[in-house]
Amino acid sequence: VVTKSLRESIKVCDSFEKDEDAKELKRCIQTVLALYEQVTANHYK
């Protein structure tokens, strides 16, 4: 559920591609998403 909502947020940021804040936010979300996937992958080993 978390990854799904983060992916939705990235899509929203893509629609504001001209906006520097949106680009920054998108980078943050992608970082969180990557970390979250690492953590959950480790958790389910």
N, C-alpha and C. Protein backbone atom coordinates (compact mmCIF):
# COMPACT_ATOMS: atom_id res chain seq x y z
N VAL A 1 0.85 -1.21 0.00
CA VAL A 1 0.00 0.00 0.00
C VAL A 1 0.88 1.25 0.00
N VAL A 2 1.93 1.23 0.79
CA VAL A 2 2.83 2.39 0.86
C VAL A 2 3.49 2.65 -0.49
N THR A 3 4.03 1.58 -1.09
CA THR A 3 4.71 1.76 -2.37
C THR A 3 3.74 2.26 -3.43
N LYS A 4 2.51 1.78 -3.39
CA LYS A 4 1.52 2.21 -4.38
C LYS A 4 1.25 3.70 -4.26
N SER A 5 1.06 4.19 -3.04
CA SER A 5 0.79 5.62 -2.87
C SER A 5 2.01 6.47 -3.22
N LEU A 6 3.21 5.95 -2.94
CA LEU A 6 4.42 6.68 -3.32
C LEU A 6 4.55 6.77 -4.84
N ARG A 7 4.22 5.67 -5.52
CA ARG A 7 4.27 5.69 -6.98
C ARG A 7 3.25 6.68 -7.55
N GLU A 8 2.07 6.75 -6.93
CA GLU A 8 1.06 7.73 -7.36
C GLU A 8 1.60 9.14 -7.19
N SER A 9 2.28 9.38 -6.08
CA SER A 9 2.86 10.71 -5.82
C SER A 9 3.89 11.07 -6.88
N ILE A 10 4.68 10.09 -7.30
CA ILE A 10 5.67 10.34 -8.34
C ILE A 10 4.98 10.73 -9.64
N LYS A 11 3.87 10.05 -9.96
CA LYS A 11 3.11 10.39 -11.17
C LYS A 11 2.59 11.81 -11.10
N VAL A 12 2.11 12.21 -9.92
CA VAL A 12 1.61 13.57 -9.75
C VAL A 12 2.74 14.57 -9.98
N CYS A 13 3.90 14.28 -9.42
CA CYS A 13 5.06 15.16 -9.61
C CYS A 13 5.45 15.26 -11.08
N ASP A 14 5.32 14.16 -11.80
CA ASP A 14 5.64 14.17 -13.24
C ASP A 14 4.77 15.17 -13.99
N SER A 15 3.54 15.36 -13.53
CA SER A 15 2.65 16.28 -14.23
C SER A 15 3.02 17.74 -13.95
N PHE A 16 3.88 17.97 -12.96
CA PHE A 16 4.38 19.32 -12.67
C PHE A 16 5.87 19.42 -12.99
N GLU A 17 6.27 18.83 -14.10
CA GLU A 17 7.69 18.69 -14.43
C GLU A 17 8.43 20.02 -14.50
N LYS A 18 7.72 21.11 -14.82
CA LYS A 18 8.38 22.42 -14.93
C LYS A 18 8.75 22.97 -13.55
N ASP A 19 8.10 22.45 -12.53
CA ASP A 19 8.25 22.99 -11.18
C ASP A 19 9.47 22.38 -10.48
N GLU A 20 10.38 23.24 -10.05
CA GLU A 20 11.59 22.76 -9.36
C GLU A 20 11.26 22.02 -8.06
N ASP A 21 10.28 22.54 -7.32
CA ASP A 21 9.88 21.89 -6.06
C ASP A 21 9.35 20.48 -6.32
N ALA A 22 8.59 20.34 -7.39
CA ALA A 22 8.04 19.02 -7.73
C ALA A 22 9.16 18.05 -8.08
N LYS A 23 10.18 18.55 -8.80
CA LYS A 23 11.32 17.69 -9.14
C LYS A 23 12.04 17.23 -7.88
N GLU A 24 12.22 18.17 -6.95
CA GLU A 24 12.89 17.86 -5.69
C GLU A 24 12.08 16.84 -4.90
N LEU A 25 10.77 17.08 -4.82
CA LEU A 25 9.88 16.18 -4.10
C LEU A 25 9.91 14.79 -4.72
N LYS A 26 9.89 14.75 -6.05
CA LYS A 26 9.92 13.47 -6.76
C LYS A 26 11.19 12.70 -6.41
N ARG A 27 12.33 13.41 -6.37
CA ARG A 27 13.59 12.76 -6.00
C ARG A 27 13.50 12.18 -4.60
N CYS A 28 12.93 12.95 -3.68
CA CYS A 28 12.78 12.47 -2.29
C CYS A 28 11.90 11.24 -2.24
N ILE A 29 10.78 11.29 -2.95
CA ILE A 29 9.85 10.16 -2.95
C ILE A 29 10.52 8.92 -3.52
N GLN A 30 11.27 9.08 -4.61
CA GLN A 30 11.95 7.93 -5.21
C GLN A 30 12.97 7.34 -4.25
N THR A 31 13.64 8.20 -3.49
CA THR A 31 14.61 7.74 -2.50
C THR A 31 13.90 6.95 -1.40
N VAL A 32 12.80 7.50 -0.90
CA VAL A 32 12.02 6.82 0.14
C VAL A 32 11.51 5.48 -0.39
N LEU A 33 11.02 5.49 -1.61
CA LEU A 33 10.49 4.27 -2.22
C LEU A 33 11.58 3.20 -2.31
N ALA A 34 12.76 3.60 -2.75
CA ALA A 34 13.88 2.66 -2.88
C ALA A 34 14.27 2.10 -1.51
N LEU A 35 14.35 2.97 -0.51
CA LEU A 35 14.69 2.54 0.84
C LEU A 35 13.63 1.61 1.40
N TYR A 36 12.38 1.98 1.20
CA TYR A 36 11.26 1.17 1.70
C TYR A 36 11.29 -0.22 1.09
N GLU A 37 11.57 -0.29 -0.22
CA GLU A 37 11.63 -1.59 -0.88
C GLU A 37 12.79 -2.42 -0.35
N GLN A 38 13.92 -1.77 -0.06
CA GLN A 38 15.06 -2.49 0.53
C GLN A 38 14.69 -3.05 1.90
N VAL A 39 14.07 -2.21 2.71
CA VAL A 39 13.69 -2.62 4.07
C VAL A 39 12.71 -3.78 4.03
N THR A 40 11.68 -3.66 3.19
CA THR A 40 10.68 -4.73 3.13
C THR A 40 11.29 -6.01 2.56
N ALA A 41 12.21 -5.87 1.60
CA ALA A 41 12.88 -7.05 1.04
C ALA A 41 13.68 -7.75 2.13
N ASN A 42 14.40 -6.97 2.94
CA ASN A 42 15.18 -7.54 4.03
C ASN A 42 14.28 -8.15 5.09
N HIS A 43 13.15 -7.50 5.34
CA HIS A 43 12.22 -7.94 6.37
C HIS A 43 11.62 -9.30 6.05
N TYR A 44 11.40 -9.58 4.77
CA TYR A 44 10.73 -10.82 4.38
C TYR A 44 11.68 -11.93 3.98
N LYS A 45 12.98 -11.75 4.23
CA LYS A 45 13.93 -12.81 3.90
C LYS A 45 13.78 -13.99 4.84
